[in-house]
Amino acid sequence: MKPILSVQPTTATREGYSASAGFARTPGEQWHDTDGIHIEVRGLAPPAPLVAIVKLVETVLDATPVIVHHDRDPVPLYAELAQRGWMAQRIEGDANEFRLRLSKGS
């Protein structure tokens, strides 16, 4: 009998996968897709989503957008982003999420 190895990392880079394609993500997971760096924060208790998003945007050195998959409108996040020169725009997402595209201001 062959052993089955299953690894579920909390942070991953998986090109070509998207949360809307039915691929289950782990809260806190990050991945790269054609439209930017994604972060899944649904299911995290406050303030963990805000902390994870701020940590991520502080590591982005170029103009790569960050796509946030959230449970709700993260109102406290907007002031934190503005202090760091970032802007947020709501974009279409799954029925059970509040999706944002974050971009560096000009």
PDB file of N, CA and C in Angstrom:
ATOM      1  N   MET A   1       0.836  -1.165   0.000  1.00  0.00           N
ATOM      2  CA  MET A   1       0.000   0.000   0.000  1.00  0.00           C
ATOM      3  C   MET A   1       0.890   1.240   0.000  1.00  0.00           C
ATOM      4  N   LYS A   2       0.577   2.206  -0.897  1.00  0.00           N
ATOM      5  CA  LYS A   2       1.363   3.424  -0.999  1.00  0.00           C
ATOM      6  C   LYS A   2       0.874   4.445   0.021  1.00  0.00           C
ATOM      7  N   PRO A   3       1.802   5.126   0.709  1.00  0.00           N
ATOM      8  CA  PRO A   3       1.381   6.166   1.648  1.00  0.00           C
ATOM      9  C   PRO A   3       0.855   7.375   0.884  1.00  0.00           C
ATOM     10  N   ILE A   4      -0.105   8.034   1.470  1.00  0.00           N
ATOM     11  CA  ILE A   4      -0.675   9.249   0.877  1.00  0.00           C
ATOM     12  C   ILE A   4      -0.170  10.428   1.681  1.00  0.00           C
ATOM     13  N   LEU A   5       0.427  11.365   0.991  1.00  0.00           N
ATOM     14  CA  LEU A   5       0.962  12.552   1.630  1.00  0.00           C
ATOM     15  C   LEU A   5       0.124  13.743   1.218  1.00  0.00           C
ATOM     16  N   SER A   6      -0.418  14.437   2.165  1.00  0.00           N
ATOM     17  CA  SER A   6      -1.225  15.618   1.891  1.00  0.00           C
ATOM     18  C   SER A   6      -0.667  16.781   2.680  1.00  0.00           C
ATOM     19  N   VAL A   7      -0.276  17.835   1.979  1.00  0.00           N
ATOM     20  CA  VAL A   7       0.295  19.013   2.617  1.00  0.00           C
ATOM     21  C   VAL A   7      -0.584  20.200   2.297  1.00  0.00           C
ATOM     22  N   GLN A   8      -1.021  20.926   3.307  1.00  0.00           N
ATOM     23  CA  GLN A   8      -1.828  22.131   3.135  1.00  0.00           C
ATOM     24  C   GLN A   8      -1.079  23.308   3.734  1.00  0.00           C
ATOM     25  N   PRO A   9      -0.269  24.012   2.960  1.00  0.00           N
ATOM     26  CA  PRO A   9       0.458  25.166   3.514  1.00  0.00           C
ATOM     27  C   PRO A   9      -0.488  26.328   3.769  1.00  0.00           C
ATOM     28  N   THR A  10      -0.145  27.180   4.733  1.00  0.00           N
ATOM     29  CA  THR A  10      -0.958  28.360   4.983  1.00  0.00           C
ATOM     30  C   THR A  10      -0.550  29.508   4.072  1.00  0.00           C
ATOM     31  N   THR A  11       0.637  29.445   3.519  1.00  0.00           N
ATOM     32  CA  THR A  11       1.074  30.434   2.545  1.00  0.00           C
ATOM     33  C   THR A  11       1.620  29.665   1.357  1.00  0.00           C
ATOM     34  N   ALA A  12       1.098  29.993   0.174  1.00  0.00           N
ATOM     35  CA  ALA A  12       1.500  29.221  -1.003  1.00  0.00           C
ATOM     36  C   ALA A  12       1.551  30.109  -2.230  1.00  0.00           C
ATOM     37  N   THR A  13       2.301  29.667  -3.198  1.00  0.00           N
ATOM     38  CA  THR A  13       2.318  30.288  -4.510  1.00  0.00           C
ATOM     39  C   THR A  13       1.832  29.237  -5.481  1.00  0.00           C
ATOM     40  N   ARG A  14       0.653  29.455  -6.032  1.00  0.00           N
ATOM     41  CA  ARG A  14       0.085  28.487  -6.960  1.00  0.00           C
ATOM     42  C   ARG A  14      -0.419  29.244  -8.176  1.00  0.00           C
ATOM     43  N   GLU A  15       0.408  29.316  -9.191  1.00  0.00           N
ATOM     44  CA  GLU A  15       0.047  30.024 -10.411  1.00  0.00           C
ATOM     45  C   GLU A  15      -1.188  29.388 -11.043  1.00  0.00           C
ATOM     46  N   GLY A  16      -2.074  30.232 -11.551  1.00  0.00           N
ATOM     47  CA  GLY A  16      -3.204  29.742 -12.312  1.00  0.00           C
ATOM     48  C   GLY A  16      -4.418  29.328 -11.504  1.00  0.00           C
ATOM     49  N   TYR A  17      -4.341  29.288 -10.203  1.00  0.00           N
ATOM     50  CA  TYR A  17      -5.496  28.938  -9.392  1.00  0.00           C
ATOM     51  C   TYR A  17      -6.167  30.212  -8.923  1.00  0.00           C
ATOM     52  N   SER A  18      -7.475  30.171  -8.787  1.00  0.00           N
ATOM     53  CA  SER A  18      -8.168  31.319  -8.222  1.00  0.00           C
ATOM     54  C   SER A  18      -9.212  30.838  -7.243  1.00  0.00           C
ATOM     55  N   ALA A  19      -9.500  31.655  -6.258  1.00  0.00           N
ATOM     56  CA  ALA A  19     -10.478  31.274  -5.245  1.00  0.00           C
ATOM     57  C   ALA A  19     -11.852  31.097  -5.870  1.00  0.00           C
ATOM     58  N   SER A  20     -12.172  31.870  -6.892  1.00  0.00           N
ATOM     59  CA  SER A  20     -13.483  31.774  -7.507  1.00  0.00           C
ATOM     60  C   SER A  20     -13.636  30.521  -8.363  1.00  0.00           C
ATOM     61  N   ALA A  21     -12.553  29.808  -8.627  1.00  0.00           N
ATOM     62  CA  ALA A  21     -12.623  28.596  -9.437  1.00  0.00           C
ATOM     63  C   ALA A  21     -13.003  27.378  -8.601  1.00  0.00           C
ATOM     64  N   GLY A  22     -13.390  27.594  -7.349  1.00  0.00           N
ATOM     65  CA  GLY A  22     -13.826  26.496  -6.518  1.00  0.00           C
ATOM     66  C   GLY A  22     -12.705  25.830  -5.739  1.00  0.00           C
ATOM     67  N   PHE A  23     -11.539  26.416  -5.746  1.00  0.00           N
ATOM     68  CA  PHE A  23     -10.393  25.865  -5.032  1.00  0.00           C
ATOM     69  C   PHE A  23     -10.413  26.439  -3.622  1.00  0.00           C
ATOM     70  N   ALA A  24     -10.587  25.614  -2.622  1.00  0.00           N
ATOM     71  CA  ALA A  24     -10.687  26.082  -1.239  1.00  0.00           C
ATOM     72  C   ALA A  24      -9.349  26.629  -0.755  1.00  0.00           C
ATOM     73  N   ARG A  25      -9.389  27.769  -0.154  1.00  0.00           N
ATOM     74  CA  ARG A  25      -8.190  28.411   0.384  1.00  0.00           C
ATOM     75  C   ARG A  25      -8.225  28.384   1.898  1.00  0.00           C
ATOM     76  N   THR A  26      -7.063  28.453   2.493  1.00  0.00           N
ATOM     77  CA  THR A  26      -6.909  28.480   3.939  1.00  0.00           C
ATOM     78  C   THR A  26      -6.861  29.932   4.398  1.00  0.00           C
ATOM     79  N   PRO A  27      -7.579  30.294   5.483  1.00  0.00           N
ATOM     80  CA  PRO A  27      -7.490  31.670   5.987  1.00  0.00           C
ATOM     81  C   PRO A  27      -6.035  32.075   6.225  1.00  0.00           C
ATOM     82  N   GLY A  28      -5.656  33.210   5.671  1.00  0.00           N
ATOM     83  CA  GLY A  28      -4.286  33.701   5.773  1.00  0.00           C
ATOM     84  C   GLY A  28      -3.408  33.328   4.599  1.00  0.00           C
ATOM     85  N   GLU A  29      -3.897  32.456   3.730  1.00  0.00           N
ATOM     86  CA  GLU A  29      -3.103  32.003   2.583  1.00  0.00           C
ATOM     87  C   GLU A  29      -2.899  33.125   1.574  1.00  0.00           C
ATOM     88  N   GLN A  30      -1.730  33.125   0.958  1.00  0.00           N
ATOM     89  CA  GLN A  30      -1.393  34.082  -0.104  1.00  0.00           C
ATOM     90  C   GLN A  30      -0.977  33.302  -1.340  1.00  0.00           C
ATOM     91  N   TRP A  31      -1.312  33.851  -2.518  1.00  0.00           N
ATOM     92  CA  TRP A  31      -0.896  33.213  -3.763  1.00  0.00           C
ATOM     93  C   TRP A  31      -0.823  34.261  -4.869  1.00  0.00           C
ATOM     94  N   HIS A  32      -0.060  33.940  -5.905  1.00  0.00           N
ATOM     95  CA  HIS A  32       0.091  34.813  -7.063  1.00  0.00           C
ATOM     96  C   HIS A  32      -0.824  34.315  -8.172  1.00  0.00           C
ATOM     97  N   ASP A  33      -1.479  35.245  -8.848  1.00  0.00           N
ATOM     98  CA  ASP A  33      -2.301  34.944 -10.009  1.00  0.00           C
ATOM     99  C   ASP A  33      -1.994  36.034 -11.034  1.00  0.00           C
ATOM    100  N   THR A  34      -2.581  35.943 -12.204  1.00  0.00           N
ATOM    101  CA  THR A  34      -2.266  36.903 -13.269  1.00  0.00           C
ATOM    102  C   THR A  34      -2.651  38.332 -12.911  1.00  0.00           C
ATOM    103  N   ASP A  35      -3.615  38.516 -12.009  1.00  0.00           N
ATOM    104  CA  ASP A  35      -4.059  39.864 -11.655  1.00  0.00           C
ATOM    105  C   ASP A  35      -3.392  40.425 -10.405  1.00  0.00           C
ATOM    106  N   GLY A  36      -2.470  39.703  -9.804  1.00  0.00           N
ATOM    107  CA  GLY A  36      -1.756  40.223  -8.650  1.00  0.00           C
ATOM    108  C   GLY A  36      -1.526  39.184  -7.573  1.00  0.00           C
ATOM    109  N   ILE A  37      -1.211  39.684  -6.380  1.00  0.00           N
ATOM    110  CA  ILE A  37      -1.003  38.833  -5.211  1.00  0.00           C
ATOM    111  C   ILE A  37      -2.332  38.772  -4.462  1.00  0.00           C
ATOM    112  N   HIS A  38      -2.810  37.574  -4.209  1.00  0.00           N
ATOM    113  CA  HIS A  38      -4.082  37.389  -3.506  1.00  0.00           C
ATOM    114  C   HIS A  38      -3.817  37.025  -2.054  1.00  0.00           C
ATOM    115  N   ILE A  39      -4.748  37.443  -1.191  1.00  0.00           N
ATOM    116  CA  ILE A  39      -4.705  37.038   0.203  1.00  0.00           C
ATOM    117  C   ILE A  39      -6.118  36.694   0.646  1.00  0.00           C
ATOM    118  N   GLU A  40      -6.260  35.535   1.254  1.00  0.00           N
ATOM    119  CA  GLU A  40      -7.538  35.037   1.769  1.00  0.00           C
ATOM    120  C   GLU A  40      -7.600  35.336   3.259  1.00  0.00           C
ATOM    121  N   VAL A  41      -8.509  36.214   3.665  1.00  0.00           N
ATOM    122  CA  VAL A  41      -8.635  36.530   5.089  1.00  0.00           C
ATOM    123  C   VAL A  41     -10.008  36.169   5.637  1.00  0.00           C
ATOM    124  N   ARG A  42     -10.856  35.565   4.805  1.00  0.00           N
ATOM    125  CA  ARG A  42     -12.163  35.132   5.305  1.00  0.00           C
ATOM    126  C   ARG A  42     -11.950  34.067   6.375  1.00  0.00           C
ATOM    127  N   GLY A  43     -12.697  34.190   7.441  1.00  0.00           N
ATOM    128  CA  GLY A  43     -12.592  33.216   8.527  1.00  0.00           C
ATOM    129  C   GLY A  43     -11.615  33.604   9.620  1.00  0.00           C
ATOM    130  N   LEU A  44     -10.838  34.660   9.418  1.00  0.00           N
ATOM    131  CA  LEU A  44      -9.924  35.128  10.465  1.00  0.00           C
ATOM    132  C   LEU A  44     -10.664  36.100  11.385  1.00  0.00           C
ATOM    133  N   ALA A  45     -10.429  35.997  12.676  1.00  0.00           N
ATOM    134  CA  ALA A  45     -11.048  36.903  13.647  1.00  0.00           C
ATOM    135  C   ALA A  45     -10.295  38.229  13.671  1.00  0.00           C
ATOM    136  N   PRO A  46     -11.020  39.354  13.795  1.00  0.00           N
ATOM    137  CA  PRO A  46     -10.357  40.655  13.901  1.00  0.00           C
ATOM    138  C   PRO A  46      -9.414  40.682  15.101  1.00  0.00           C
ATOM    139  N   PRO A  47      -8.300  41.330  15.003  1.00  0.00           N
ATOM    140  CA  PRO A  47      -7.805  42.170  13.913  1.00  0.00           C
ATOM    141  C   PRO A  47      -6.896  41.422  12.933  1.00  0.00           C
ATOM    142  N   ALA A  48      -6.902  40.106  12.952  1.00  0.00           N
ATOM    143  CA  ALA A  48      -5.990  39.321  12.106  1.00  0.00           C
ATOM    144  C   ALA A  48      -6.070  39.666  10.620  1.00  0.00           C
ATOM    145  N   PRO A  49      -7.277  39.893  10.028  1.00  0.00           N
ATOM    146  CA  PRO A  49      -7.303  40.262   8.609  1.00  0.00           C
ATOM    147  C   PRO A  49      -6.548  41.561   8.329  1.00  0.00           C
ATOM    148  N   LEU A  50      -6.780  42.579   9.145  1.00  0.00           N
ATOM    149  CA  LEU A  50      -6.116  43.872   8.959  1.00  0.00           C
ATOM    150  C   LEU A  50      -4.605  43.710   9.087  1.00  0.00           C
ATOM    151  N   VAL A  51      -4.163  42.992  10.096  1.00  0.00           N
ATOM    152  CA  VAL A  51      -2.728  42.798  10.321  1.00  0.00           C
ATOM    153  C   VAL A  51      -2.094  42.062   9.137  1.00  0.00           C
ATOM    154  N   ALA A  52      -2.743  41.001   8.658  1.00  0.00           N
ATOM    155  CA  ALA A  52      -2.191  40.223   7.536  1.00  0.00           C
ATOM    156  C   ALA A  52      -2.118  41.057   6.260  1.00  0.00           C
ATOM    157  N   ILE A  53      -3.140  41.852   6.000  1.00  0.00           N
ATOM    158  CA  ILE A  53      -3.161  42.675   4.785  1.00  0.00           C
ATOM    159  C   ILE A  53      -2.086  43.755   4.855  1.00  0.00           C
ATOM    160  N   VAL A  54      -1.976  44.431   5.986  1.00  0.00           N
ATOM    161  CA  VAL A  54      -0.958  45.482   6.142  1.00  0.00           C
ATOM    162  C   VAL A  54       0.442  44.890   6.007  1.00  0.00           C
ATOM    163  N   LYS A  55       0.696  43.747   6.615  1.00  0.00           N
ATOM    164  CA  LYS A  55       2.017  43.101   6.477  1.00  0.00           C
ATOM    165  C   LYS A  55       2.321  42.800   5.018  1.00  0.00           C
ATOM    166  N   LEU A  56       1.307  42.322   4.286  1.00  0.00           N
ATOM    167  CA  LEU A  56       1.521  41.994   2.878  1.00  0.00           C
ATOM    168  C   LEU A  56       1.837  43.233   2.060  1.00  0.00           C
ATOM    169  N   VAL A  57       1.036  44.293   2.172  1.00  0.00           N
ATOM    170  CA  VAL A  57       1.285  45.475   1.339  1.00  0.00           C
ATOM    171  C   VAL A  57       2.634  46.112   1.663  1.00  0.00           C
ATOM    172  N   GLU A  58       3.096  45.969   2.891  1.00  0.00           N
ATOM    173  CA  GLU A  58       4.406  46.518   3.248  1.00  0.00           C
ATOM    174  C   GLU A  58       5.556  45.753   2.589  1.00  0.00           C
ATOM    175  N   THR A  59       5.298  44.563   2.074  1.00  0.00           N
ATOM    176  CA  THR A  59       6.348  43.788   1.407  1.00  0.00           C
ATOM    177  C   THR A  59       6.352  43.980  -0.112  1.00  0.00           C
ATOM    178  N   VAL A  60       5.320  44.597  -0.658  1.00  0.00           N
ATOM    179  CA  VAL A  60       5.230  44.784  -2.109  1.00  0.00           C
ATOM    180  C   VAL A  60       6.067  45.995  -2.500  1.00  0.00           C
ATOM    181  N   LEU A  61       7.102  45.770  -3.290  1.00  0.00           N
ATOM    182  CA  LEU A  61       8.032  46.840  -3.640  1.00  0.00           C
ATOM    183  C   LEU A  61       7.732  47.488  -4.988  1.00  0.00           C
ATOM    184  N   ASP A  62       6.885  46.864  -5.789  1.00  0.00           N
ATOM    185  CA  ASP A  62       6.577  47.417  -7.104  1.00  0.00           C
ATOM    186  C   ASP A  62       5.090  47.776  -7.170  1.00  0.00           C
ATOM    187  N   ALA A  63       4.542  47.848  -8.357  1.00  0.00           N
ATOM    188  CA  ALA A  63       3.137  48.242  -8.536  1.00  0.00           C
ATOM    189  C   ALA A  63       2.193  47.045  -8.609  1.00  0.00           C
ATOM    190  N   THR A  64       2.618  45.887  -8.133  1.00  0.00           N
ATOM    191  CA  THR A  64       1.769  44.698  -8.167  1.00  0.00           C
ATOM    192  C   THR A  64       0.534  44.918  -7.304  1.00  0.00           C
ATOM    193  N   PRO A  65      -0.667  44.726  -7.865  1.00  0.00           N
ATOM    194  CA  PRO A  65      -1.881  44.860  -7.052  1.00  0.00           C
ATOM    195  C   PRO A  65      -2.003  43.720  -6.050  1.00  0.00           C
ATOM    196  N   VAL A  66      -2.725  43.985  -4.977  1.00  0.00           N
ATOM    197  CA  VAL A  66      -3.051  42.977  -3.976  1.00  0.00           C
ATOM    198  C   VAL A  66      -4.556  42.787  -4.016  1.00  0.00           C
ATOM    199  N   ILE A  67      -4.995  41.544  -4.145  1.00  0.00           N
ATOM    200  CA  ILE A  67      -6.416  41.222  -4.180  1.00  0.00           C
ATOM    201  C   ILE A  67      -6.779  40.582  -2.843  1.00  0.00           C
ATOM    202  N   VAL A  68      -7.720  41.217  -2.135  1.00  0.00           N
ATOM    203  CA  VAL A  68      -8.126  40.772  -0.811  1.00  0.00           C
ATOM    204  C   VAL A  68      -9.463  40.055  -0.903  1.00  0.00           C
ATOM    205  N   HIS A  69      -9.534  38.867  -0.311  1.00  0.00           N
ATOM    206  CA  HIS A  69     -10.770  38.082  -0.224  1.00  0.00           C
ATOM    207  C   HIS A  69     -11.204  38.139   1.242  1.00  0.00           C
ATOM    208  N   HIS A  70     -12.270  38.926   1.522  1.00  0.00           N
ATOM    209  CA  HIS A  70     -12.669  39.241   2.898  1.00  0.00           C
ATOM    210  C   HIS A  70     -14.128  38.856   3.122  1.00  0.00           C
ATOM    211  N   ASP A  71     -14.505  38.728   4.408  1.00  0.00           N
ATOM    212  CA  ASP A  71     -15.895  38.436   4.786  1.00  0.00           C
ATOM    213  C   ASP A  71     -16.792  39.666   4.716  1.00  0.00           C
ATOM    214  N   ARG A  72     -16.193  40.838   4.900  1.00  0.00           N
ATOM    215  CA  ARG A  72     -16.981  42.069   5.053  1.00  0.00           C
ATOM    216  C   ARG A  72     -16.160  43.274   4.603  1.00  0.00           C
ATOM    217  N   ASP A  73     -16.810  44.431   4.581  1.00  0.00           N
ATOM    218  CA  ASP A  73     -16.130  45.680   4.238  1.00  0.00           C
ATOM    219  C   ASP A  73     -15.174  46.032   5.377  1.00  0.00           C
ATOM    220  N   PRO A  74     -13.863  46.014   5.134  1.00  0.00           N
ATOM    221  CA  PRO A  74     -12.881  46.255   6.200  1.00  0.00           C
ATOM    222  C   PRO A  74     -12.605  47.742   6.416  1.00  0.00           C
ATOM    223  N   VAL A  75     -13.573  48.467   6.938  1.00  0.00           N
ATOM    224  CA  VAL A  75     -13.495  49.926   7.074  1.00  0.00           C
ATOM    225  C   VAL A  75     -12.213  50.396   7.762  1.00  0.00           C
ATOM    226  N   PRO A  76     -11.769  49.804   8.881  1.00  0.00           N
ATOM    227  CA  PRO A  76     -10.536  50.290   9.521  1.00  0.00           C
ATOM    228  C   PRO A  76      -9.288  50.148   8.641  1.00  0.00           C
ATOM    229  N   LEU A  77      -9.334  49.268   7.661  1.00  0.00           N
ATOM    230  CA  LEU A  77      -8.187  49.041   6.781  1.00  0.00           C
ATOM    231  C   LEU A  77      -7.879  50.263   5.917  1.00  0.00           C
ATOM    232  N   TYR A  78      -8.899  51.003   5.507  1.00  0.00           N
ATOM    233  CA  TYR A  78      -8.704  52.087   4.541  1.00  0.00           C
ATOM    234  C   TYR A  78      -7.758  53.170   5.057  1.00  0.00           C
ATOM    235  N   ALA A  79      -7.860  53.539   6.323  1.00  0.00           N
ATOM    236  CA  ALA A  79      -6.949  54.546   6.888  1.00  0.00           C
ATOM    237  C   ALA A  79      -5.515  54.009   6.944  1.00  0.00           C
ATOM    238  N   GLU A  80      -5.376  52.730   7.289  1.00  0.00           N
ATOM    239  CA  GLU A  80      -4.043  52.108   7.334  1.00  0.00           C
ATOM    240  C   GLU A  80      -3.404  52.097   5.941  1.00  0.00           C
ATOM    241  N   LEU A  81      -4.209  51.791   4.926  1.00  0.00           N
ATOM    242  CA  LEU A  81      -3.692  51.781   3.552  1.00  0.00           C
ATOM    243  C   LEU A  81      -3.289  53.182   3.119  1.00  0.00           C
ATOM    244  N   ALA A  82      -4.131  54.173   3.409  1.00  0.00           N
ATOM    245  CA  ALA A  82      -3.841  55.555   3.013  1.00  0.00           C
ATOM    246  C   ALA A  82      -2.524  56.040   3.624  1.00  0.00           C
ATOM    247  N   GLN A  83      -2.268  55.680   4.874  1.00  0.00           N
ATOM    248  CA  GLN A  83      -1.014  56.074   5.530  1.00  0.00           C
ATOM    249  C   GLN A  83       0.205  55.493   4.818  1.00  0.00           C
ATOM    250  N   ARG A  84       0.007  54.393   4.108  1.00  0.00           N
ATOM    251  CA  ARG A  84       1.102  53.715   3.415  1.00  0.00           C
ATOM    252  C   ARG A  84       1.114  53.996   1.916  1.00  0.00           C
ATOM    253  N   GLY A  85       0.218  54.897   1.453  1.00  0.00           N
ATOM    254  CA  GLY A  85       0.183  55.262   0.035  1.00  0.00           C
ATOM    255  C   GLY A  85      -0.554  54.278  -0.850  1.00  0.00           C
ATOM    256  N   TRP A  86      -1.488  53.513  -0.268  1.00  0.00           N
ATOM    257  CA  TRP A  86      -2.260  52.526  -1.015  1.00  0.00           C
ATOM    258  C   TRP A  86      -3.720  52.956  -1.107  1.00  0.00           C
ATOM    259  N   MET A  87      -4.393  52.492  -2.148  1.00  0.00           N
ATOM    260  CA  MET A  87      -5.820  52.752  -2.348  1.00  0.00           C
ATOM    261  C   MET A  87      -6.536  51.414  -2.483  1.00  0.00           C
ATOM    262  N   ALA A  88      -7.835  51.403  -2.142  1.00  0.00           N
ATOM    263  CA  ALA A  88      -8.644  50.190  -2.257  1.00  0.00           C
ATOM    264  C   ALA A  88      -9.832  50.448  -3.169  1.00  0.00           C
ATOM    265  N   GLN A  89     -10.149  49.442  -3.973  1.00  0.00           N
ATOM    266  CA  GLN A  89     -11.305  49.510  -4.866  1.00  0.00           C
ATOM    267  C   GLN A  89     -12.047  48.185  -4.761  1.00  0.00           C
ATOM    268  N   ARG A  90     -13.350  48.253  -4.536  1.00  0.00           N
ATOM    269  CA  ARG A  90     -14.134  47.019  -4.487  1.00  0.00           C
ATOM    270  C   ARG A  90     -14.284  46.483  -5.907  1.00  0.00           C
ATOM    271  N   ILE A  91     -14.109  45.181  -6.047  1.00  0.00           N
ATOM    272  CA  ILE A  91     -14.255  44.526  -7.343  1.00  0.00           C
ATOM    273  C   ILE A  91     -15.208  43.342  -7.197  1.00  0.00           C
ATOM    274  N   GLU A  92     -15.648  42.829  -8.320  1.00  0.00           N
ATOM    275  CA  GLU A  92     -16.567  41.695  -8.301  1.00  0.00           C
ATOM    276  C   GLU A  92     -15.879  40.467  -7.731  1.00  0.00           C
ATOM    277  N   GLY A  93     -16.616  39.770  -6.878  1.00  0.00           N
ATOM    278  CA  GLY A  93     -16.086  38.560  -6.267  1.00  0.00           C
ATOM    279  C   GLY A  93     -17.174  37.521  -6.140  1.00  0.00           C
ATOM    280  N   ASP A  94     -16.901  36.493  -5.392  1.00  0.00           N
ATOM    281  CA  ASP A  94     -17.885  35.449  -5.146  1.00  0.00           C
ATOM    282  C   ASP A  94     -19.031  36.009  -4.301  1.00  0.00           C
ATOM    283  N   ALA A  95     -20.146  35.301  -4.284  1.00  0.00           N
ATOM    284  CA  ALA A  95     -21.329  35.745  -3.543  1.00  0.00           C
ATOM    285  C   ALA A  95     -21.054  35.848  -2.042  1.00  0.00           C
ATOM    286  N   ASN A  96     -20.135  35.060  -1.525  1.00  0.00           N
ATOM    287  CA  ASN A  96     -19.870  35.028  -0.084  1.00  0.00           C
ATOM    288  C   ASN A  96     -18.623  35.809   0.326  1.00  0.00           C
ATOM    289  N   GLU A  97     -18.247  36.799  -0.469  1.00  0.00           N
ATOM    290  CA  GLU A  97     -17.049  37.551  -0.114  1.00  0.00           C
ATOM    291  C   GLU A  97     -17.163  39.023  -0.477  1.00  0.00           C
ATOM    292  N   PHE A  98     -16.310  39.814   0.160  1.00  0.00           N
ATOM    293  CA  PHE A  98     -16.118  41.222  -0.140  1.00  0.00           C
ATOM    294  C   PHE A  98     -14.713  41.290  -0.704  1.00  0.00           C
ATOM    295  N   ARG A  99     -14.585  41.495  -2.018  1.00  0.00           N
ATOM    296  CA  ARG A  99     -13.273  41.446  -2.684  1.00  0.00           C
ATOM    297  C   ARG A  99     -12.800  42.859  -2.996  1.00  0.00           C
ATOM    298  N   LEU A 100     -11.528  43.110  -2.705  1.00  0.00           N
ATOM    299  CA  LEU A 100     -10.901  44.413  -2.942  1.00  0.00           C
ATOM    300  C   LEU A 100      -9.648  44.256  -3.778  1.00  0.00           C
ATOM    301  N   ARG A 101      -9.399  45.252  -4.633  1.00  0.00           N
ATOM    302  CA  ARG A 101      -8.109  45.368  -5.325  1.00  0.00           C
ATOM    303  C   ARG A 101      -7.389  46.541  -4.667  1.00  0.00           C
ATOM    304  N   LEU A 102      -6.230  46.268  -4.111  1.00  0.00           N
ATOM    305  CA  LEU A 102      -5.416  47.299  -3.503  1.00  0.00           C
ATOM    306  C   LEU A 102      -4.295  47.668  -4.454  1.00  0.00           C
ATOM    307  N   SER A 103      -4.046  48.970  -4.587  1.00  0.00           N
ATOM    308  CA  SER A 103      -2.986  49.420  -5.478  1.00  0.00           C
ATOM    309  C   SER A 103      -2.262  50.592  -4.842  1.00  0.00           C
ATOM    310  N   LYS A 104      -0.984  50.714  -5.207  1.00  0.00           N
ATOM    311  CA  LYS A 104      -0.198  51.840  -4.710  1.00  0.00           C
ATOM    312  C   LYS A 104      -0.690  53.113  -5.382  1.00  0.00           C
ATOM    313  N   GLY A 105      -0.851  54.163  -4.571  1.00  0.00           N
ATOM    314  CA  GLY A 105      -1.253  55.458  -5.107  1.00  0.00           C
ATOM    315  C   GLY A 105      -0.136  56.088  -5.916  1.00  0.00           C
ATOM    316  N   SER A 106      -0.531  57.049  -6.745  1.00  0.00           N
ATOM    317  CA  SER A 106       0.501  57.707  -7.555  1.00  0.00           C
ATOM    318  C   SER A 106       0.901  59.037  -7.002  1.00  0.00           C
TER     319      SER A 106
END
